[in-house]
């Protein structure tokens, strides 16, 4: 009994020492974020990632390559439906193994599978407050917790666990206003690899696949859009405006907004016979639709319901 008590005491003392270590003065939160942004774009790393979205859990093998022509990301599902997802800068392709189909989406903007990234910490001024929390272990790696706190009710709070060696994000959570996690991405296995020249992975074998390309139209200035935003959300900027054509007879206008972490899409299209109106939510993603004359407006994104509803209410035709 004495021996067991001694072991328990040693464990408690070790835990206390680890907790005290977090009290050491830490780097500014903005420095942690900027180093993470740089690491995500420049390092090679891989592992197993668990995506918890919309009350569903998806486990996938993940790999990132810092290639000369731009970033590359690879996801391979470990459970059904079996699929492989590849991102080469702004081109995302998805192979559905069950149906032997490959869809390639040519998009005007590139975005990480792990977390949306601002340009730098300075771009978040007046919309988010950054703070450094304690330290925790994620996938057997020591991480620094970074809290991203919105300064208004237009966006959700985030928390990022940053590896203290590589500065890569090993865990990301999004919280609703009640403090509950509504979205989570977490590495359960992780390792960084030495950067190599090129860093590219062999292209996927597309033989025997039904390949479909989705080409976005050329991005245009938002001033050319047939609608305006009267309730422009503070801190959000235009990423692109395009007029896609899902069907030759039914064009869809798409405006993408972002504040760095949060992205919102505004869609304008000719309405169907009845049109769709009202609020719809699924996990961290909310959408609000309304009818304006012969058009339907839908605002969608990982933002509070009040945000998408306010933006939709402020859409006006020119």
Protein backbone atom coordinates (compact mmCIF):
# COMPACT_ATOMS: atom_id res chain seq x y z
CA UNK A 1 0.00 0.00 0.00
CA UNK A 2 2.86 2.36 0.86
CA UNK A 3 4.46 1.72 -2.56
CA UNK A 4 1.18 2.41 -4.37
CA UNK A 5 0.74 5.60 -2.33
CA UNK A 6 4.26 6.71 -3.25
CA UNK A 7 3.57 6.17 -6.96
CA UNK A 8 0.32 8.14 -6.68
CA UNK A 9 2.13 10.98 -4.90
CA UNK A 10 4.80 11.08 -7.63
CA UNK A 11 2.09 11.24 -10.32
CA UNK A 12 0.39 14.12 -8.50
CA UNK A 13 3.66 15.99 -8.12
CA UNK A 14 4.42 15.46 -11.83
CA UNK A 15 0.98 16.80 -12.76
CA UNK A 16 1.54 19.86 -10.55
CA UNK A 17 4.91 20.49 -12.18
CA UNK A 18 3.37 20.26 -15.63
CA UNK A 19 0.64 22.72 -14.63
CA UNK A 20 3.23 25.13 -13.21
CA UNK A 21 5.12 24.98 -16.51
CA UNK A 22 2.17 26.62 -18.25
CA UNK A 23 2.56 29.64 -15.97
CA UNK A 24 5.86 30.52 -17.66
CA UNK A 25 5.41 33.73 -19.69
CA UNK A 26 4.30 32.74 -23.20
CA UNK A 27 4.65 34.30 -26.59
CA UNK A 28 1.93 36.71 -27.64
CA UNK A 29 -1.15 35.02 -29.09
CA UNK A 30 -0.70 36.85 -32.39
CA UNK A 31 2.80 35.40 -32.75
CA UNK A 32 1.46 31.87 -32.24
CA UNK A 33 -1.19 32.44 -34.91
CA UNK A 34 1.22 33.92 -37.45
CA UNK A 35 3.67 31.03 -36.94
CA UNK A 36 0.81 28.56 -37.42
CA UNK A 37 -0.26 30.25 -40.66
CA UNK A 38 3.29 30.05 -42.02
CA UNK A 39 3.78 26.44 -40.89
CA UNK A 40 0.57 25.24 -42.53
CA UNK A 41 1.66 26.57 -45.89
CA UNK A 42 5.34 25.60 -45.81
CA UNK A 43 5.68 22.23 -44.03
CA UNK A 44 5.11 18.61 -45.01
CA UNK A 45 3.03 16.67 -42.49
CA UNK A 46 0.61 13.79 -42.27
CA UNK A 47 -1.50 11.76 -39.88
CA UNK A 48 -4.98 10.53 -39.06
CA UNK A 49 -7.70 13.16 -38.66
CA UNK A 50 -11.14 12.88 -37.10
CA UNK A 51 -13.76 15.29 -38.45
CA UNK A 52 -16.80 15.74 -36.19
CA UNK A 53 -19.39 17.78 -38.06
CA UNK A 54 -23.18 17.81 -37.97
CA UNK A 55 -23.22 15.07 -35.29
CA UNK A 56 -21.30 12.77 -37.63
CA UNK A 57 -17.78 11.39 -37.20
CA UNK A 58 -15.49 10.81 -40.18
CA UNK A 59 -11.95 9.42 -39.80
CA UNK A 60 -9.51 10.02 -42.65
CA UNK A 61 -5.83 9.69 -43.46
CA UNK A 62 -4.36 13.13 -44.16
CA UNK A 63 -1.24 14.37 -45.92
CA UNK A 64 0.01 17.88 -46.73
CA UNK A 65 2.73 18.74 -49.21
CA UNK A 66 4.41 22.10 -49.73
CA UNK A 67 4.99 21.77 -53.47
CA UNK A 68 6.77 24.28 -55.68
CA UNK A 69 3.58 25.00 -57.59
CA UNK A 70 1.52 25.47 -54.43
CA UNK A 71 0.07 23.48 -51.56
CA UNK A 72 -1.32 19.99 -51.90
CA UNK A 73 -3.61 18.17 -49.47
CA UNK A 74 -4.76 14.55 -49.58
CA UNK A 75 -7.59 12.88 -47.65
CA UNK A 76 -8.46 9.18 -47.78
CA UNK A 77 -11.52 7.91 -45.89
CA UNK A 78 -11.13 4.92 -43.61
CA UNK A 79 -14.84 4.11 -43.52
CA UNK A 80 -17.73 4.10 -45.99
CA UNK A 81 -18.45 5.90 -48.18
CA UNK A 82 -14.91 5.27 -49.48
CA UNK A 83 -13.43 8.31 -51.18
CA UNK A 84 -10.22 10.20 -51.84
CA UNK A 85 -10.08 14.00 -51.79
CA UNK A 86 -7.17 15.98 -53.21
CA UNK A 87 -6.54 19.73 -53.17
CA UNK A 88 -3.91 21.31 -55.37
CA UNK A 89 -4.07 25.01 -54.49
CA UNK A 90 -7.58 25.93 -55.72
CA UNK A 91 -8.44 22.66 -57.53
CA UNK A 92 -10.28 20.07 -55.45
CA UNK A 93 -10.98 16.58 -56.77
CA UNK A 94 -12.99 13.83 -55.10
CA UNK A 95 -13.01 10.16 -56.11
CA UNK A 96 -15.99 8.12 -54.93
CA UNK A 97 -14.75 4.53 -55.03
CA UNK A 98 -18.19 2.97 -54.65
CA UNK A 99 -19.49 4.66 -57.80
CA UNK A 100 -16.17 4.96 -59.72
CA UNK A 101 -16.83 8.68 -60.13
CA UNK A 102 -14.36 11.54 -59.94
CA UNK A 103 -15.47 15.15 -59.56
CA UNK A 104 -12.97 17.97 -60.09
CA UNK A 105 -13.97 21.39 -58.80
CA UNK A 106 -12.00 24.33 -60.18
CA UNK A 107 -12.52 27.08 -57.63
CA UNK A 108 -11.22 30.67 -57.51
CA UNK A 109 -9.87 30.32 -53.97
CA UNK A 110 -7.92 27.70 -52.03
CA UNK A 111 -8.79 26.73 -48.47
CA UNK A 112 -7.31 24.18 -46.06
CA UNK A 113 -9.22 21.03 -45.12
CA UNK A 114 -8.18 21.57 -41.48
CA UNK A 115 -9.02 25.21 -40.73
CA UNK A 116 -9.70 28.45 -42.59
CA UNK A 117 -6.78 30.82 -42.30
CA UNK A 118 -6.62 34.62 -42.10
CA UNK A 119 -3.85 36.43 -43.96
CA UNK A 120 -2.18 37.22 -40.65
CA UNK A 121 -3.08 38.08 -37.07
CA UNK A 122 -3.22 41.82 -37.82
CA UNK A 123 -6.12 41.27 -40.23
CA UNK A 124 -8.28 40.14 -37.28
CA UNK A 125 -8.11 43.42 -35.39
CA UNK A 126 -11.47 44.80 -34.18
CA UNK A 127 -13.31 41.52 -34.93
CA UNK A 128 -11.53 38.87 -32.84
CA UNK A 129 -9.55 38.91 -29.61
CA UNK A 130 -6.71 36.38 -29.41
CA UNK A 131 -5.56 34.90 -26.12
CA UNK A 132 -3.17 32.15 -25.07
CA UNK A 133 -4.52 29.43 -22.76
CA UNK A 134 -2.84 26.48 -21.14
CA UNK A 135 -1.08 23.51 -22.68
CA UNK A 136 -2.50 20.08 -23.44
CA UNK A 137 -1.39 16.91 -25.20
CA UNK A 138 -3.01 16.10 -28.55
CA UNK A 139 -1.96 12.96 -30.46
CA UNK A 140 0.93 12.60 -27.98
CA UNK A 141 2.25 16.07 -28.88
CA UNK A 142 2.53 19.06 -26.57
CA UNK A 143 0.24 21.84 -27.77
CA UNK A 144 -0.43 25.46 -26.91
CA UNK A 145 -4.10 26.44 -26.71
CA UNK A 146 -5.06 29.56 -28.67
CA UNK A 147 -8.50 31.09 -28.07
CA UNK A 148 -10.11 33.09 -30.89
CA UNK A 149 -12.87 35.18 -29.30
CA UNK A 150 -15.28 37.22 -31.48
CA UNK A 151 -15.91 40.79 -30.37
CA UNK A 152 -19.55 40.64 -31.50
CA UNK A 153 -22.38 38.15 -32.01
CA UNK A 154 -21.76 37.75 -35.77
CA UNK A 155 -19.40 34.76 -35.53
CA UNK A 156 -18.57 31.75 -33.42
CA UNK A 157 -15.77 31.33 -30.88
CA UNK A 158 -12.89 29.04 -31.82
CA UNK A 159 -10.11 27.27 -29.99
CA UNK A 160 -6.96 25.94 -31.67
CA UNK A 161 -4.42 23.52 -30.20
CA UNK A 162 -1.03 24.39 -31.80
CA UNK A 163 1.91 21.97 -31.74
CA UNK A 164 4.72 23.64 -29.77
CA UNK A 165 7.43 22.21 -32.06
CA UNK A 166 6.03 22.58 -35.58
CA UNK A 167 3.38 25.27 -34.88
CA UNK A 168 0.80 23.19 -36.79
CA UNK A 169 -2.83 22.98 -35.61
CA UNK A 170 -3.53 19.53 -34.17
CA UNK A 171 -7.06 20.27 -32.99
CA UNK A 172 -9.70 22.90 -33.81
CA UNK A 173 -13.08 23.41 -32.15
CA UNK A 174 -15.95 25.79 -32.93
CA UNK A 175 -18.40 26.69 -30.15
CA UNK A 176 -21.94 28.01 -30.07
CA UNK A 177 -23.02 30.78 -27.71
CA UNK A 178 -23.82 28.24 -24.98
CA UNK A 179 -20.21 27.03 -25.00
CA UNK A 180 -20.95 23.66 -26.63
CA UNK A 181 -18.64 22.36 -29.36
CA UNK A 182 -20.50 22.22 -32.68
CA UNK A 183 -17.57 21.42 -34.94
CA UNK A 184 -14.26 19.67 -34.30
CA UNK A 185 -11.21 18.59 -36.29
CA UNK A 186 -8.55 16.61 -34.44
CA UNK A 187 -5.41 14.65 -35.26
CA UNK A 188 -5.27 11.30 -33.47
CA UNK A 189 -1.93 10.49 -35.10
CA UNK A 190 0.50 13.10 -36.40
CA UNK A 191 4.04 13.50 -37.66
CA UNK A 192 5.90 16.15 -39.59
CA UNK A 193 8.22 15.14 -42.42
CA UNK A 194 11.38 16.74 -43.80
CA UNK A 195 10.57 19.03 -46.70
CA UNK A 196 11.71 17.62 -50.01
CA UNK A 197 12.08 19.23 -53.40
CA UNK A 198 8.69 19.34 -55.08
CA UNK A 199 6.96 17.32 -52.38
CA UNK A 200 4.28 16.11 -54.79
CA UNK A 201 2.39 12.86 -54.55
CA UNK A 202 1.83 10.62 -57.54
CA UNK A 203 -1.39 11.56 -59.31
CA UNK A 204 -4.35 9.32 -58.61
CA UNK A 205 -5.18 6.69 -61.22
CA UNK A 206 -8.27 7.93 -63.05
CA UNK A 207 -8.51 5.00 -65.48
CA UNK A 208 -12.02 3.61 -65.61
CA UNK A 209 -13.49 6.55 -63.69
CA UNK A 210 -16.36 8.74 -64.80
CA UNK A 211 -14.70 12.17 -64.55
CA UNK A 212 -16.79 15.33 -64.19
CA UNK A 213 -15.28 18.83 -64.19
CA UNK A 214 -16.96 21.76 -62.46
CA UNK A 215 -15.47 24.98 -63.80
CA UNK A 216 -16.24 28.17 -61.96
CA UNK A 217 -16.75 31.20 -64.14
CA UNK A 218 -14.17 33.95 -64.17
CA UNK A 219 -14.29 36.05 -61.01
CA UNK A 220 -15.62 39.55 -61.53
CA UNK A 221 -15.70 42.72 -59.41
CA UNK A 222 -18.65 42.70 -57.01
CA UNK A 223 -19.70 46.05 -58.46
CA UNK A 224 -20.93 44.12 -61.50
CA UNK A 225 -23.31 41.98 -59.43
CA UNK A 226 -27.06 42.44 -59.98
CA UNK A 227 -27.56 42.88 -56.22
CA UNK A 228 -26.14 44.84 -53.32
CA UNK A 229 -25.61 44.15 -49.61
CA UNK A 230 -27.19 46.75 -47.37
CA UNK A 231 -26.26 44.90 -44.16
CA UNK A 232 -22.57 44.44 -44.79
CA UNK A 233 -21.16 42.51 -41.78
CA UNK A 234 -18.27 44.21 -40.02
CA UNK A 235 -14.91 42.61 -40.68
CA UNK A 236 -16.01 40.58 -43.72
CA UNK A 237 -14.42 41.24 -47.09
CA UNK A 238 -15.17 40.06 -50.61
CA UNK A 239 -13.15 36.99 -51.59
CA UNK A 240 -14.70 36.66 -55.05
CA UNK A 241 -17.87 37.16 -57.04
CA UNK A 242 -18.70 34.78 -59.88
CA UNK A 243 -21.68 33.92 -62.04
CA UNK A 244 -21.82 30.16 -62.35
CA UNK A 245 -24.18 28.28 -64.62
CA UNK A 246 -25.46 25.11 -63.01
CA UNK A 247 -27.82 24.77 -65.95
CA UNK A 248 -27.61 26.72 -69.21
CA UNK A 249 -30.99 28.32 -68.50
CA UNK A 250 -30.47 28.99 -64.78
CA UNK A 251 -27.47 31.16 -63.80
CA UNK A 252 -26.49 31.41 -60.15
CA UNK A 253 -24.60 34.40 -58.78
CA UNK A 254 -22.19 33.57 -55.94
CA UNK A 255 -20.56 36.07 -53.61
CA UNK A 256 -18.04 34.69 -51.08
CA UNK A 257 -17.25 36.73 -47.96
CA UNK A 258 -14.64 36.01 -45.30
CA UNK A 259 -13.28 37.55 -42.12
CA UNK A 260 -10.31 35.18 -42.06
CA UNK A 261 -11.82 32.33 -40.05
CA UNK A 262 -15.49 32.55 -41.04
CA UNK A 263 -16.70 32.30 -44.64
CA UNK A 264 -20.18 33.15 -45.90
CA UNK A 265 -21.73 32.53 -49.31
CA UNK A 266 -24.49 34.68 -50.83
CA UNK A 267 -26.37 33.02 -53.71
CA UNK A 268 -28.84 34.71 -56.06
CA UNK A 269 -30.83 32.68 -58.58
CA UNK A 270 -34.18 32.66 -60.37
CA UNK A 271 -36.66 31.11 -57.97
CA UNK A 272 -38.61 27.95 -58.58
CA UNK A 273 -42.40 27.97 -58.64
CA UNK A 274 -42.73 28.41 -54.88
CA UNK A 275 -39.23 29.32 -53.78
CA UNK A 276 -37.63 28.49 -50.45
CA UNK A 277 -37.77 30.79 -47.46
CA UNK A 278 -36.70 30.61 -43.85
CA UNK A 279 -33.85 29.45 -41.66
CA UNK A 280 -32.14 26.07 -41.87
CA UNK A 281 -29.32 24.82 -39.65
CA UNK A 282 -27.03 21.81 -39.53
CA UNK A 283 -24.33 21.80 -36.89
CA UNK A 284 -22.20 24.93 -37.20
CA UNK A 285 -23.63 25.76 -40.65
CA UNK A 286 -26.72 27.95 -40.94
CA UNK A 287 -28.54 29.19 -44.02
CA UNK A 288 -31.37 31.66 -44.58
CA UNK A 289 -33.40 32.00 -47.78
CA UNK A 290 -35.87 34.63 -48.94
CA UNK A 291 -37.65 35.53 -52.16
CA UNK A 292 -37.17 38.91 -53.83
CA UNK A 293 -39.51 39.38 -56.79
CA UNK A 294 -38.62 36.54 -59.16
CA UNK A 295 -35.35 35.68 -57.41
CA UNK A 296 -34.32 33.63 -54.44
CA UNK A 297 -31.51 34.69 -52.11
CA UNK A 298 -29.69 32.21 -49.88
CA UNK A 299 -26.96 33.09 -47.39
CA UNK A 300 -25.02 30.10 -46.04
CA UNK A 301 -22.00 29.65 -43.82
CA UNK A 302 -20.47 28.54 -40.52
CA UNK A 303 -21.96 31.46 -38.62
CA UNK A 304 -24.80 32.16 -36.17
CA UNK A 305 -28.35 32.10 -37.48
CA UNK A 306 -28.76 35.82 -36.76
CA UNK A 307 -25.79 36.61 -39.03
CA UNK A 308 -27.02 34.80 -42.14
CA UNK A 309 -30.56 36.11 -41.61
CA UNK A 310 -29.38 39.71 -41.28
CA UNK A 311 -27.26 39.50 -44.43
CA UNK A 312 -30.12 37.91 -46.42
CA UNK A 313 -32.50 40.62 -45.23
CA UNK A 314 -30.11 43.25 -46.55
CA UNK A 315 -29.81 41.86 -50.10
CA UNK A 316 -31.42 44.24 -52.60
CA UNK A 317 -31.71 43.99 -56.37
CA UNK A 318 -30.19 46.77 -58.44
